[in-house]
Amino acid sequence: MENYEYFEKGYERIWQNFKFSFKVYQANIVFQRRLCVETLEEIDRLHKEYLRCYGVSTYGLYRRYLNMVERNYELIR
């Protein structure tokens, strides 16, 4: 489905930015934690934006990418 790919690209962009920044901040746990929190908020905003603007629930994508960030957060606790 073409629209599904469009929505997934939004989440994937956030995830790729997160992975890159997480590596850059590997020497600073405080920055990594902040990055995790900010990324979780960005994913939440995107989910709400898709729902509001397009009337489409991307809950499956939302949970998948949220879980990936949360796993990284658990590694640095």
Protein backbone atom coordinates (compact mmCIF):
# COMPACT_ATOMS: atom_id res chain seq x y z
CA MET A 1 0.00 0.00 0.00
CA GLU A 2 1.56 3.26 -1.11
CA ASN A 3 0.24 5.35 1.79
CA TYR A 4 1.56 2.85 4.33
CA GLU A 5 5.05 3.31 2.89
CA TYR A 6 4.69 7.08 3.21
CA PHE A 7 3.81 6.77 6.89
CA GLU A 8 6.56 4.25 7.53
CA LYS A 9 9.15 6.58 5.98
CA GLY A 10 8.27 9.19 8.62
CA TYR A 11 8.95 6.76 11.45
CA GLU A 12 12.04 5.36 9.71
CA ARG A 13 13.53 8.85 9.34
CA ILE A 14 13.19 9.41 13.08
CA TRP A 15 14.73 5.98 13.80
CA GLN A 16 17.72 6.55 11.50
CA ASN A 17 18.39 9.94 13.08
CA PHE A 18 18.15 8.34 16.51
CA LYS A 19 20.61 5.55 15.66
CA PHE A 20 23.15 8.02 14.29
CA SER A 21 22.89 10.37 17.27
CA PHE A 22 22.97 7.49 19.76
CA LYS A 23 26.36 6.43 18.37
CA VAL A 24 27.64 10.01 18.38
CA TYR A 25 26.67 10.36 22.06
CA GLN A 26 28.01 6.95 23.10
CA ALA A 27 30.47 8.54 25.54
CA ASN A 28 27.77 10.58 27.29
CA ILE A 29 24.92 8.69 28.94
CA VAL A 30 23.11 11.89 29.90
CA PHE A 31 22.88 12.93 26.25
CA GLN A 32 21.79 9.43 25.26
CA ARG A 33 18.97 9.51 27.80
CA ARG A 34 17.87 12.94 26.63
CA LEU A 35 17.97 11.70 23.03
CA CYS A 36 15.74 8.74 23.96
CA VAL A 37 13.16 10.96 25.65
CA GLU A 38 13.13 13.47 22.80
CA THR A 39 12.84 10.70 20.20
CA LEU A 40 9.93 9.10 22.06
CA GLU A 41 8.19 12.48 22.10
CA GLU A 42 8.87 12.95 18.38
CA ILE A 43 7.42 9.52 17.58
CA ASP A 44 4.34 10.36 19.65
CA ARG A 45 3.93 13.70 17.85
CA LEU A 46 4.19 12.01 14.46
CA HIS A 47 1.58 9.41 15.41
CA LYS A 48 -0.83 12.14 16.54
CA GLU A 49 -0.13 14.21 13.42
CA TYR A 50 -0.94 11.30 11.09
CA LEU A 51 -4.14 10.66 12.99
CA ARG A 52 -5.19 14.33 12.98
CA CYS A 53 -4.14 15.27 9.43
CA TYR A 54 -4.80 12.05 7.54
CA GLY A 55 -7.31 10.30 9.78
CA VAL A 56 -5.08 7.24 9.71
CA SER A 57 -4.06 5.24 12.76
CA THR A 58 -0.45 4.15 12.48
CA TYR A 59 -0.51 2.43 15.86
CA GLY A 60 1.38 -0.65 14.65
CA LEU A 61 4.25 1.46 13.33
CA TYR A 62 4.06 3.70 16.37
CA ARG A 63 4.47 0.76 18.79
CA ARG A 64 7.24 -0.87 16.75
CA TYR A 65 9.44 2.22 16.63
CA LEU A 66 8.58 3.19 20.19
CA ASN A 67 9.72 -0.25 21.38
CA MET A 68 13.00 0.01 19.47
CA VAL A 69 13.85 3.30 21.19
CA GLU A 70 12.72 1.99 24.58
CA ARG A 71 15.03 -1.04 24.21
CA ASN A 72 17.98 1.30 23.69
CA TYR A 73 16.92 3.31 26.72
CA GLU A 74 16.85 0.14 28.84
CA LEU A 75 20.44 -0.65 27.75
CA ILE A 76 21.77 2.58 29.23
CA ARG A 77 19.87 2.54 32.53
